[in-house]
Amino acid sequence: MSDKAKQATISLGELEVDGFQMPDGSYRMSQAQATQAIEEPPVYALRFLGAKGAKALLGEGYTDYKPESVEVEATNQSRGQTRINALPLEVVSAYWLYRAFRGNRQAMLLCMALLSENLERRFDAAFGIERTESERNQRLAQRNQQLDRDLKQLGEAYAEPDQLKEHVAYLENQIRQMGGEPWQLPAPEDGDE
């Protein structure tokens, strides 16, 4: 038995990442791939690992985790020793969920698509439906594309109230420049009570 991690390409819809199987059979992703998948620099994962959000998502037993440096078995395509900063899948999942919560659109897309696929796999099992990995990846890619379109429309819907706020602020400023107070009732005129 080798003391090095094995490497394989994992498809997540249209996204492909390198996955690693440790000598004990557990799985890891590299820190770099975990961040690239959601279009962030690797330092974001390191910051997450020391943040309160990581502790909240990973439970009380979680202590500041440092990525383990893991040697990967050489493949036909690579020369020399390859090492990665490895993160357990539950840490990668928590990181993506945390970043989605913090507004990372790519992380949100990935989390929603993977959650939907996981539920669908369980329903498929319960109803005896069998799908190939290729079919699952195609469905995941379609789900991701649809969600991306939906989020763009949602973003546009939220842009309208922002434009209205800007317009109101502009009008308030104009009233102040004319010597008025925008939200103050007018002073009563003579004879009014």
N, C-alpha and C. Protein backbone atom coordinates (compact mmCIF):
# COMPACT_ATOMS: atom_id res chain seq x y z
N MET A 1 0.85 -1.19 0.00
CA MET A 1 0.00 0.00 0.00
C MET A 1 0.88 1.25 0.00
N SER A 2 0.56 2.19 -0.87
CA SER A 2 1.34 3.41 -1.01
C SER A 2 1.02 4.39 0.11
N ASP A 3 2.02 5.20 0.47
CA ASP A 3 1.77 6.24 1.46
C ASP A 3 1.51 7.58 0.79
N LYS A 4 1.27 7.56 -0.52
CA LYS A 4 0.98 8.76 -1.29
C LYS A 4 -0.50 8.78 -1.67
N ALA A 5 -1.01 9.97 -1.90
CA ALA A 5 -2.40 10.12 -2.33
C ALA A 5 -2.53 9.79 -3.81
N LYS A 6 -3.67 9.23 -4.19
CA LYS A 6 -3.98 8.97 -5.60
C LYS A 6 -4.78 10.15 -6.12
N GLN A 7 -4.63 10.46 -7.40
CA GLN A 7 -5.30 11.60 -8.01
C GLN A 7 -6.27 11.15 -9.08
N ALA A 8 -7.42 11.81 -9.17
CA ALA A 8 -8.40 11.57 -10.23
C ALA A 8 -9.09 12.88 -10.56
N THR A 9 -9.60 12.99 -11.77
CA THR A 9 -10.36 14.16 -12.18
C THR A 9 -11.82 13.93 -11.82
N ILE A 10 -12.40 14.92 -11.14
CA ILE A 10 -13.80 14.87 -10.71
C ILE A 10 -14.57 15.93 -11.50
N SER A 11 -15.67 15.52 -12.11
CA SER A 11 -16.53 16.46 -12.85
C SER A 11 -17.66 16.93 -11.96
N LEU A 12 -17.82 18.23 -11.90
CA LEU A 12 -18.94 18.86 -11.18
C LEU A 12 -19.71 19.67 -12.22
N GLY A 13 -20.51 19.00 -13.01
CA GLY A 13 -21.15 19.67 -14.13
C GLY A 13 -20.09 19.99 -15.16
N GLU A 14 -19.96 21.26 -15.54
CA GLU A 14 -18.94 21.68 -16.50
C GLU A 14 -17.58 21.91 -15.85
N LEU A 15 -17.54 22.00 -14.54
CA LEU A 15 -16.31 22.24 -13.80
C LEU A 15 -15.60 20.92 -13.53
N GLU A 16 -14.29 20.90 -13.76
CA GLU A 16 -13.50 19.72 -13.42
C GLU A 16 -12.47 20.11 -12.39
N VAL A 17 -12.35 19.29 -11.35
CA VAL A 17 -11.36 19.51 -10.30
C VAL A 17 -10.58 18.22 -10.08
N ASP A 18 -9.39 18.36 -9.52
CA ASP A 18 -8.61 17.19 -9.15
C ASP A 18 -9.06 16.75 -7.76
N GLY A 19 -9.32 15.47 -7.64
CA GLY A 19 -9.66 14.88 -6.36
C GLY A 19 -8.54 13.95 -5.94
N PHE A 20 -8.38 13.76 -4.65
CA PHE A 20 -7.30 12.94 -4.13
C PHE A 20 -7.86 11.95 -3.12
N GLN A 21 -7.40 10.70 -3.25
CA GLN A 21 -7.75 9.67 -2.28
C GLN A 21 -6.52 9.41 -1.43
N MET A 22 -6.70 9.57 -0.13
CA MET A 22 -5.60 9.38 0.81
C MET A 22 -5.36 7.88 1.01
N PRO A 23 -4.19 7.50 1.53
CA PRO A 23 -3.90 6.08 1.79
C PRO A 23 -4.95 5.41 2.68
N ASP A 24 -5.61 6.18 3.56
CA ASP A 24 -6.63 5.59 4.44
C ASP A 24 -8.01 5.50 3.76
N GLY A 25 -8.11 5.93 2.50
CA GLY A 25 -9.37 5.85 1.75
C GLY A 25 -10.18 7.14 1.79
N SER A 26 -9.84 8.10 2.64
CA SER A 26 -10.59 9.36 2.70
C SER A 26 -10.22 10.23 1.50
N TYR A 27 -11.05 11.25 1.25
CA TYR A 27 -10.87 12.11 0.08
C TYR A 27 -10.46 13.52 0.48
N ARG A 28 -9.74 14.16 -0.43
CA ARG A 28 -9.29 15.53 -0.22
C ARG A 28 -9.37 16.29 -1.55
N MET A 29 -9.42 17.61 -1.41
CA MET A 29 -9.22 18.52 -2.54
C MET A 29 -8.05 19.40 -2.18
N SER A 30 -7.38 19.92 -3.18
CA SER A 30 -6.30 20.86 -2.87
C SER A 30 -6.90 22.20 -2.51
N GLN A 31 -6.21 22.92 -1.67
CA GLN A 31 -6.64 24.26 -1.28
C GLN A 31 -6.79 25.13 -2.52
N ALA A 32 -5.84 25.03 -3.45
CA ALA A 32 -5.88 25.85 -4.66
C ALA A 32 -7.12 25.54 -5.50
N GLN A 33 -7.45 24.27 -5.66
CA GLN A 33 -8.63 23.90 -6.46
C GLN A 33 -9.93 24.31 -5.76
N ALA A 34 -9.97 24.20 -4.45
CA ALA A 34 -11.18 24.59 -3.70
C ALA A 34 -11.49 26.07 -3.92
N THR A 35 -10.45 26.89 -3.99
CA THR A 35 -10.68 28.32 -4.19
C THR A 35 -10.89 28.66 -5.66
N GLN A 36 -10.16 28.00 -6.55
CA GLN A 36 -10.35 28.24 -7.98
C GLN A 36 -11.76 27.89 -8.43
N ALA A 37 -12.34 26.86 -7.84
CA ALA A 37 -13.68 26.43 -8.21
C ALA A 37 -14.71 27.53 -8.01
N ILE A 38 -14.45 28.42 -7.06
CA ILE A 38 -15.39 29.52 -6.81
C ILE A 38 -14.76 30.88 -7.13
N GLU A 39 -13.69 30.82 -7.95
CA GLU A 39 -13.06 32.01 -8.50
C GLU A 39 -12.50 32.95 -7.42
N GLU A 40 -11.79 32.37 -6.45
CA GLU A 40 -11.15 33.15 -5.40
C GLU A 40 -9.69 32.75 -5.29
N PRO A 41 -8.85 33.63 -4.75
CA PRO A 41 -7.44 33.27 -4.54
C PRO A 41 -7.28 32.32 -3.36
N PRO A 42 -6.25 31.46 -3.36
CA PRO A 42 -6.06 30.46 -2.30
C PRO A 42 -6.00 31.03 -0.88
N VAL A 43 -5.59 32.27 -0.73
CA VAL A 43 -5.49 32.84 0.61
C VAL A 43 -6.86 32.92 1.29
N TYR A 44 -7.94 32.99 0.51
CA TYR A 44 -9.28 33.05 1.11
C TYR A 44 -9.59 31.79 1.91
N ALA A 45 -9.14 30.64 1.40
CA ALA A 45 -9.36 29.39 2.14
C ALA A 45 -8.60 29.41 3.46
N LEU A 46 -7.38 29.93 3.44
CA LEU A 46 -6.60 30.01 4.68
C LEU A 46 -7.28 30.92 5.70
N ARG A 47 -7.79 32.04 5.24
CA ARG A 47 -8.50 32.96 6.13
C ARG A 47 -9.73 32.28 6.73
N PHE A 48 -10.45 31.55 5.89
CA PHE A 48 -11.64 30.84 6.36
C PHE A 48 -11.28 29.84 7.45
N LEU A 49 -10.19 29.13 7.27
CA LEU A 49 -9.81 28.07 8.22
C LEU A 49 -9.61 28.61 9.63
N GLY A 50 -9.22 29.87 9.77
CA GLY A 50 -9.04 30.46 11.09
C GLY A 50 -10.20 31.30 11.56
N ALA A 51 -11.27 31.37 10.77
CA ALA A 51 -12.39 32.26 11.08
C ALA A 51 -13.44 31.57 11.95
N LYS A 52 -14.25 32.39 12.60
CA LYS A 52 -15.35 31.88 13.42
C LYS A 52 -16.36 31.12 12.58
N GLY A 53 -16.52 31.53 11.32
CA GLY A 53 -17.46 30.85 10.43
C GLY A 53 -17.11 29.38 10.25
N ALA A 54 -15.83 29.08 10.16
CA ALA A 54 -15.40 27.69 10.01
C ALA A 54 -15.78 26.90 11.25
N LYS A 55 -15.53 27.47 12.40
CA LYS A 55 -15.86 26.78 13.65
C LYS A 55 -17.37 26.57 13.77
N ALA A 56 -18.15 27.55 13.35
CA ALA A 56 -19.61 27.43 13.44
C ALA A 56 -20.13 26.34 12.49
N LEU A 57 -19.60 26.28 11.29
CA LEU A 57 -20.07 25.30 10.31
C LEU A 57 -19.55 23.89 10.56
N LEU A 58 -18.35 23.79 11.11
CA LEU A 58 -17.72 22.47 11.27
C LEU A 58 -17.88 21.88 12.66
N GLY A 59 -18.49 22.62 13.57
CA GLY A 59 -18.80 22.06 14.89
C GLY A 59 -17.78 22.39 15.95
N GLU A 60 -18.15 22.07 17.18
CA GLU A 60 -17.34 22.41 18.35
C GLU A 60 -15.98 21.72 18.36
N GLY A 61 -15.92 20.52 17.79
CA GLY A 61 -14.66 19.78 17.79
C GLY A 61 -13.62 20.34 16.84
N TYR A 62 -14.06 21.28 15.99
CA TYR A 62 -13.14 21.86 15.01
C TYR A 62 -12.19 22.83 15.70
N THR A 63 -10.93 22.67 15.43
CA THR A 63 -9.94 23.64 15.87
C THR A 63 -9.27 24.18 14.62
N ASP A 64 -8.58 25.27 14.74
CA ASP A 64 -7.95 25.87 13.55
C ASP A 64 -7.24 24.79 12.75
N TYR A 65 -7.69 24.59 11.54
CA TYR A 65 -7.17 23.54 10.69
C TYR A 65 -6.11 24.12 9.77
N LYS A 66 -5.04 23.44 9.64
CA LYS A 66 -4.01 23.83 8.69
C LYS A 66 -4.02 22.78 7.58
N PRO A 67 -4.04 23.19 6.32
CA PRO A 67 -4.02 22.20 5.25
C PRO A 67 -2.80 21.30 5.40
N GLU A 68 -3.01 20.00 5.22
CA GLU A 68 -1.88 19.09 5.32
C GLU A 68 -1.18 19.01 3.98
N SER A 69 0.11 19.04 4.00
CA SER A 69 0.90 18.89 2.79
C SER A 69 0.98 17.40 2.47
N VAL A 70 0.46 17.02 1.31
CA VAL A 70 0.32 15.62 0.95
C VAL A 70 1.08 15.36 -0.35
N GLU A 71 1.82 14.27 -0.36
CA GLU A 71 2.51 13.86 -1.57
C GLU A 71 1.55 13.03 -2.43
N VAL A 72 1.54 13.32 -3.72
CA VAL A 72 0.63 12.67 -4.65
C VAL A 72 1.43 11.73 -5.56
N GLU A 73 0.87 10.55 -5.80
CA GLU A 73 1.52 9.60 -6.71
C GLU A 73 1.73 10.26 -8.06
N ALA A 74 2.90 10.04 -8.64
CA ALA A 74 3.19 10.57 -9.96
C ALA A 74 2.31 9.86 -10.98
N THR A 75 1.84 10.60 -11.96
CA THR A 75 1.07 10.02 -13.05
C THR A 75 1.92 10.03 -14.30
N ASN A 76 1.43 9.44 -15.37
CA ASN A 76 2.17 9.42 -16.63
C ASN A 76 2.43 10.83 -17.16
N GLN A 77 1.57 11.77 -16.78
CA GLN A 77 1.65 13.12 -17.33
C GLN A 77 2.54 14.05 -16.53
N SER A 78 2.94 13.65 -15.33
CA SER A 78 3.72 14.58 -14.50
C SER A 78 5.09 14.01 -14.19
N ARG A 79 6.05 14.91 -13.95
CA ARG A 79 7.39 14.50 -13.59
C ARG A 79 7.65 14.94 -12.16
N GLY A 80 8.48 14.18 -11.46
CA GLY A 80 8.87 14.57 -10.12
C GLY A 80 7.77 14.35 -9.10
N GLN A 81 8.03 14.82 -7.90
CA GLN A 81 7.08 14.67 -6.80
C GLN A 81 6.08 15.81 -6.83
N THR A 82 4.85 15.50 -6.61
CA THR A 82 3.80 16.51 -6.54
C THR A 82 3.27 16.54 -5.12
N ARG A 83 3.16 17.74 -4.59
CA ARG A 83 2.59 17.91 -3.26
C ARG A 83 1.43 18.90 -3.37
N ILE A 84 0.42 18.68 -2.55
CA ILE A 84 -0.71 19.61 -2.49
C ILE A 84 -0.97 19.98 -1.04
N ASN A 85 -1.60 21.11 -0.84
CA ASN A 85 -2.16 21.46 0.46
C ASN A 85 -3.58 20.90 0.45
N ALA A 86 -3.78 19.81 1.20
CA ALA A 86 -5.02 19.05 1.13
C ALA A 86 -6.04 19.50 2.16
N LEU A 87 -7.29 19.57 1.72
CA LEU A 87 -8.41 19.91 2.60
C LEU A 87 -9.43 18.78 2.54
N PRO A 88 -9.94 18.31 3.69
CA PRO A 88 -11.01 17.31 3.69
C PRO A 88 -12.26 17.88 3.00
N LEU A 89 -13.06 17.00 2.42
CA LEU A 89 -14.25 17.45 1.69
C LEU A 89 -15.22 18.23 2.56
N GLU A 90 -15.34 17.87 3.85
CA GLU A 90 -16.26 18.63 4.72
C GLU A 90 -15.75 20.06 4.94
N VAL A 91 -14.44 20.26 4.92
CA VAL A 91 -13.88 21.61 5.05
C VAL A 91 -14.13 22.38 3.75
N VAL A 92 -13.93 21.74 2.60
CA VAL A 92 -14.20 22.39 1.31
C VAL A 92 -15.68 22.78 1.22
N SER A 93 -16.56 21.86 1.62
CA SER A 93 -18.00 22.14 1.58
C SER A 93 -18.37 23.31 2.48
N ALA A 94 -17.82 23.32 3.68
CA ALA A 94 -18.10 24.43 4.62
C ALA A 94 -17.56 25.74 4.06
N TYR A 95 -16.40 25.70 3.45
CA TYR A 95 -15.80 26.91 2.85
C TYR A 95 -16.70 27.44 1.74
N TRP A 96 -17.14 26.56 0.83
CA TRP A 96 -18.01 27.01 -0.25
C TRP A 96 -19.32 27.56 0.28
N LEU A 97 -19.90 26.91 1.26
CA LEU A 97 -21.16 27.38 1.84
C LEU A 97 -20.97 28.74 2.51
N TYR A 98 -19.89 28.89 3.25
CA TYR A 98 -19.59 30.15 3.92
C TYR A 98 -19.41 31.28 2.89
N ARG A 99 -18.67 30.98 1.83
CA ARG A 99 -18.43 32.01 0.81
C ARG A 99 -19.72 32.35 0.06
N ALA A 100 -20.59 31.34 -0.13
CA ALA A 100 -21.89 31.61 -0.75
C ALA A 100 -22.70 32.56 0.13
N PHE A 101 -22.69 32.29 1.44
CA PHE A 101 -23.38 33.13 2.40
C PHE A 101 -22.83 34.55 2.39
N ARG A 102 -21.53 34.67 2.13
CA ARG A 102 -20.88 35.99 2.11
C ARG A 102 -21.01 36.69 0.76
N GLY A 103 -21.78 36.08 -0.17
CA GLY A 103 -22.08 36.75 -1.43
C GLY A 103 -21.28 36.30 -2.64
N ASN A 104 -20.47 35.25 -2.51
CA ASN A 104 -19.73 34.76 -3.68
C ASN A 104 -20.72 34.03 -4.59
N ARG A 105 -20.97 34.61 -5.73
CA ARG A 105 -21.98 34.10 -6.65
C ARG A 105 -21.62 32.70 -7.16
N GLN A 106 -20.35 32.50 -7.49
CA GLN A 106 -19.92 31.19 -8.01
C GLN A 106 -20.09 30.11 -6.93
N ALA A 107 -19.78 30.46 -5.69
CA ALA A 107 -19.96 29.50 -4.59
C ALA A 107 -21.44 29.17 -4.41
N MET A 108 -22.29 30.18 -4.56
CA MET A 108 -23.73 29.96 -4.42
C MET A 108 -24.22 29.01 -5.52
N LEU A 109 -23.78 29.24 -6.76
CA LEU A 109 -24.17 28.38 -7.86
C LEU A 109 -23.74 26.94 -7.61
N LEU A 110 -22.50 26.78 -7.19
CA LEU A 110 -21.96 25.44 -6.97
C LEU A 110 -22.69 24.73 -5.83
N CYS A 111 -22.92 25.44 -4.73
CA CYS A 111 -23.62 24.83 -3.59
C CYS A 111 -25.04 24.43 -3.95
N MET A 112 -25.77 25.29 -4.62
CA MET A 112 -27.15 24.97 -5.01
C MET A 112 -27.19 23.78 -5.95
N ALA A 113 -26.30 23.76 -6.94
CA ALA A 113 -26.30 22.67 -7.91
C ALA A 113 -25.95 21.35 -7.22
N LEU A 114 -24.96 21.36 -6.34
CA LEU A 114 -24.57 20.12 -5.66
C LEU A 114 -25.63 19.66 -4.66
N LEU A 115 -26.27 20.58 -3.98
CA LEU A 115 -27.36 20.20 -3.08
C LEU A 115 -28.50 19.55 -3.85
N SER A 116 -28.87 20.16 -4.97
CA SER A 116 -29.94 19.60 -5.79
C SER A 116 -29.57 18.21 -6.30
N GLU A 117 -28.33 18.06 -6.75
CA GLU A 117 -27.91 16.76 -7.24
C GLU A 117 -27.93 15.71 -6.13
N ASN A 118 -27.49 16.07 -4.95
CA ASN A 118 -27.49 15.13 -3.83
C ASN A 118 -28.92 14.68 -3.51
N LEU A 119 -29.84 15.61 -3.46
CA LEU A 119 -31.25 15.25 -3.22
C LEU A 119 -31.78 14.36 -4.33
N GLU A 120 -31.46 14.74 -5.57
CA GLU A 120 -31.93 13.95 -6.70
C GLU A 120 -31.38 12.53 -6.64
N ARG A 121 -30.12 12.35 -6.27
CA ARG A 121 -29.53 11.02 -6.16
C ARG A 121 -30.31 10.17 -5.14
N ARG A 122 -30.67 10.78 -4.03
CA ARG A 122 -31.42 10.04 -3.00
C ARG A 122 -32.83 9.67 -3.49
N PHE A 123 -33.47 10.60 -4.19
CA PHE A 123 -34.80 10.31 -4.74
C PHE A 123 -34.69 9.24 -5.82
N ASP A 124 -33.66 9.35 -6.68
CA ASP A 124 -33.45 8.33 -7.71
C ASP A 124 -33.31 6.95 -7.06
N ALA A 125 -32.52 6.87 -5.99
CA ALA A 125 -32.32 5.58 -5.30
C ALA A 125 -33.64 5.06 -4.74
N ALA A 126 -34.43 5.94 -4.16
CA ALA A 126 -35.70 5.53 -3.57
C ALA A 126 -36.69 5.04 -4.62
N PHE A 127 -36.63 5.62 -5.83
CA PHE A 127 -37.57 5.26 -6.88
C PHE A 127 -36.95 4.32 -7.93
N GLY A 128 -35.73 3.85 -7.66
CA GLY A 128 -35.10 2.89 -8.56
C GLY A 128 -34.66 3.46 -9.90
N ILE A 129 -34.37 4.75 -9.95
CA ILE A 129 -33.92 5.39 -11.19
C ILE A 129 -32.39 5.32 -11.24
N GLU A 130 -31.87 4.89 -12.37
CA GLU A 130 -30.42 4.83 -12.54
C GLU A 130 -30.00 5.82 -13.62
N ARG A 131 -28.97 6.59 -13.32
CA ARG A 131 -28.42 7.56 -14.27
C ARG A 131 -26.91 7.36 -14.33
N THR A 132 -26.33 7.63 -15.48
CA THR A 132 -24.88 7.54 -15.60
C THR A 132 -24.27 8.81 -15.03
N GLU A 133 -22.98 8.75 -14.73
CA GLU A 133 -22.30 9.95 -14.24
C GLU A 133 -22.32 11.05 -15.30
N SER A 134 -22.24 10.66 -16.55
CA SER A 134 -22.31 11.64 -17.65
C SER A 134 -23.67 12.36 -17.63
N GLU A 135 -24.75 11.60 -17.44
CA GLU A 135 -26.09 12.21 -17.35
C GLU A 135 -26.16 13.14 -16.15
N ARG A 136 -25.61 12.69 -15.03
CA ARG A 136 -25.64 13.53 -13.81
C ARG A 136 -24.87 14.83 -14.03
N ASN A 137 -23.72 14.74 -14.67
CA ASN A 137 -22.93 15.95 -14.92
C ASN A 137 -23.64 16.88 -15.89
N GLN A 138 -24.31 16.32 -16.88
CA GLN A 138 -25.07 17.15 -17.81
C GLN A 138 -26.22 17.85 -17.08
N ARG A 139 -26.93 17.12 -16.23
CA ARG A 139 -28.03 17.71 -15.45
C ARG A 139 -27.49 18.78 -14.50
N LEU A 140 -26.34 18.51 -13.88
CA LEU A 140 -25.72 19.47 -12.97
C LEU A 140 -25.34 20.74 -13.72
N ALA A 141 -24.76 20.58 -14.91
CA ALA A 141 -24.38 21.75 -15.72
C ALA A 141 -25.62 22.55 -16.11
N GLN A 142 -26.69 21.86 -16.52
CA GLN A 142 -27.92 22.56 -16.89
C GLN A 142 -28.51 23.30 -15.70
N ARG A 143 -28.51 22.63 -14.54
CA ARG A 143 -29.02 23.26 -13.31
C ARG A 143 -28.22 24.51 -12.99
N ASN A 144 -26.90 24.40 -13.12
CA ASN A 144 -26.02 25.52 -12.82
C ASN A 144 -26.28 26.69 -13.77
N GLN A 145 -26.45 26.39 -15.07
CA GLN A 145 -26.72 27.44 -16.05
C GLN A 145 -28.06 28.13 -15.77
N GLN A 146 -29.08 27.34 -15.45
CA GLN A 146 -30.39 27.91 -15.15
C GLN A 146 -30.33 28.79 -13.90
N LEU A 147 -29.64 28.30 -12.88
CA LEU A 147 -29.51 29.07 -11.66
C LEU A 147 -28.74 30.36 -11.91
N ASP A 148 -27.72 30.30 -12.76
CA ASP A 148 -26.95 31.49 -13.11
C ASP A 148 -27.86 32.52 -13.78
N ARG A 149 -28.70 32.07 -14.71
CA ARG A 149 -29.65 32.99 -15.36
C ARG A 149 -30.63 33.57 -14.34
N ASP A 150 -31.12 32.72 -13.45
CA ASP A 150 -32.07 33.17 -12.42
C ASP A 150 -31.43 34.21 -11.50
N LEU A 151 -30.19 33.98 -11.11
CA LEU A 151 -29.50 34.93 -10.23
C LEU A 151 -29.25 36.26 -10.93
N LYS A 152 -28.98 36.21 -12.23
CA LYS A 152 -28.79 37.46 -12.99
C LYS A 152 -30.09 38.27 -12.99
N GLN A 153 -31.22 37.57 -13.21
CA GLN A 153 -32.52 38.25 -13.20
C GLN A 153 -32.82 38.80 -11.81
N LEU A 154 -32.50 38.02 -10.79
CA LEU A 154 -32.72 38.46 -9.42
C LEU A 154 -31.87 39.70 -9.12
N GLY A 155 -30.63 39.68 -9.59
CA GLY A 155 -29.75 40.83 -9.40
C GLY A 155 -30.31 42.07 -10.05
N GLU A 156 -30.88 41.89 -11.23
CA GLU A 156 -31.50 43.02 -11.93
C GLU A 156 -32.72 43.52 -11.17
N ALA A 157 -33.47 42.62 -10.57
CA ALA A 157 -34.65 43.01 -9.80
C ALA A 157 -34.23 43.81 -8.57
N TYR A 158 -33.11 43.41 -7.95
CA TYR A 158 -32.62 44.16 -6.79
C TYR A 158 -31.98 45.47 -7.18
N ALA A 159 -31.55 45.60 -8.43
CA ALA A 159 -30.94 46.84 -8.89
C ALA A 159 -31.97 47.96 -8.95
N GLU A 160 -33.23 47.64 -9.28
CA GLU A 160 -34.26 48.66 -9.39
C GLU A 160 -34.47 49.41 -8.08
N PRO A 161 -34.64 48.73 -6.93
CA PRO A 161 -34.76 49.48 -5.68
C PRO A 161 -33.53 50.34 -5.38
N ASP A 162 -32.34 49.86 -5.77
CA ASP A 162 -31.13 50.67 -5.57
C ASP A 162 -31.20 51.94 -6.41
N GLN A 163 -31.71 51.83 -7.63
CA GLN A 163 -31.84 53.00 -8.48
C GLN A 163 -32.87 53.96 -7.89
N LEU A 164 -33.95 53.42 -7.33
CA LEU A 164 -34.96 54.28 -6.70
C LEU A 164 -34.37 55.02 -5.50
N LYS A 165 -33.55 54.32 -4.70
CA LYS A 165 -32.89 54.96 -3.56
C LYS A 165 -32.00 56.11 -4.01
N GLU A 166 -31.25 55.88 -5.09
CA GLU A 166 -30.40 56.94 -5.63
C GLU A 166 -31.24 58.14 -6.08
N HIS A 167 -32.36 57.86 -6.73
CA HIS A 167 -33.24 58.93 -7.21
C HIS A 167 -33.82 59.73 -6.04
N VAL A 168 -34.27 59.04 -5.00
CA VAL A 168 -34.80 59.72 -3.81
C VAL A 168 -33.71 60.57 -3.16
N ALA A 169 -32.51 60.02 -3.02
CA ALA A 169 -31.41 60.78 -2.42
C ALA A 169 -31.10 62.03 -3.24
N TYR A 170 -31.15 61.91 -4.56
CA TYR A 170 -30.90 63.06 -5.43
C TYR A 170 -31.97 64.13 -5.22
N LEU A 171 -33.24 63.71 -5.16
CA LEU A 171 -34.34 64.67 -4.95
C LEU A 171 -34.25 65.33 -3.57
N GLU A 172 -33.89 64.52 -2.54
CA GLU A 172 -33.72 65.09 -1.20
C GLU A 172 -32.65 66.16 -1.21
N ASN A 173 -31.55 65.90 -1.89
CA ASN A 173 -30.45 66.86 -1.98
C ASN A 173 -30.90 68.14 -2.68
N GLN A 174 -31.68 68.01 -3.75
CA GLN A 174 -32.18 69.19 -4.45
C GLN A 174 -33.07 70.03 -3.54
N ILE A 175 -33.93 69.39 -2.76
CA ILE A 175 -34.81 70.12 -1.84
C ILE A 175 -33.97 70.88 -0.81
N ARG A 176 -32.94 70.23 -0.28
CA ARG A 176 -32.05 70.89 0.71
C ARG A 176 -31.34 72.09 0.08
N GLN A 177 -30.91 71.95 -1.17
CA GLN A 177 -30.23 73.06 -1.85
C GLN A 177 -31.16 74.24 -2.05
N MET A 178 -32.47 73.99 -2.10
CA MET A 178 -33.44 75.07 -2.25
C MET A 178 -33.89 75.61 -0.90
N GLY A 179 -33.26 75.11 0.19
CA GLY A 179 -33.55 75.63 1.52
C GLY A 179 -34.64 74.86 2.26
N GLY A 180 -35.10 73.79 1.73
CA GLY A 180 -36.15 73.01 2.38
C GLY A 180 -35.57 71.80 3.12
N GLU A 181 -36.47 71.15 3.82
CA GLU A 181 -36.12 69.91 4.53
C GLU A 181 -37.05 68.85 3.96
N PRO A 182 -36.49 67.81 3.29
CA PRO A 182 -37.32 66.88 2.51
C PRO A 182 -38.46 66.20 3.26
N TRP A 183 -38.29 65.82 4.49
CA TRP A 183 -39.32 65.03 5.16
C TRP A 183 -40.05 65.82 6.24
N GLN A 184 -39.89 67.13 6.21
CA GLN A 184 -40.56 67.99 7.19
C GLN A 184 -41.86 68.50 6.57
N LEU A 185 -42.91 68.50 7.37
CA LEU A 185 -44.19 69.04 6.89
C LEU A 185 -44.04 70.54 6.68
N PRO A 186 -44.75 71.09 5.70
CA PRO A 186 -44.67 72.54 5.48
C PRO A 186 -45.23 73.30 6.69
N ALA A 187 -44.70 74.49 6.92
CA ALA A 187 -45.18 75.32 8.01
C ALA A 187 -46.60 75.79 7.68
N PRO A 188 -47.46 75.85 8.71
CA PRO A 188 -48.84 76.30 8.44
C PRO A 188 -48.85 77.75 7.96
N GLU A 189 -49.70 78.03 7.02
CA GLU A 189 -49.81 79.40 6.51
C GLU A 189 -50.74 80.18 7.45
N ASP A 190 -50.73 81.49 7.33
CA ASP A 190 -51.59 82.31 8.19
C ASP A 190 -53.04 81.88 8.00
N GLY A 191 -53.71 81.71 9.08
CA GLY A 191 -55.12 81.31 9.06
C GLY A 191 -55.32 79.80 9.13
N ASP A 192 -54.23 79.01 8.88
CA ASP A 192 -54.34 77.55 9.00
C ASP A 192 -54.07 77.15 10.44
N GLU A 193 -54.69 76.12 10.87
CA GLU A 193 -54.43 75.63 12.21
C GLU A 193 -54.08 74.20 12.17
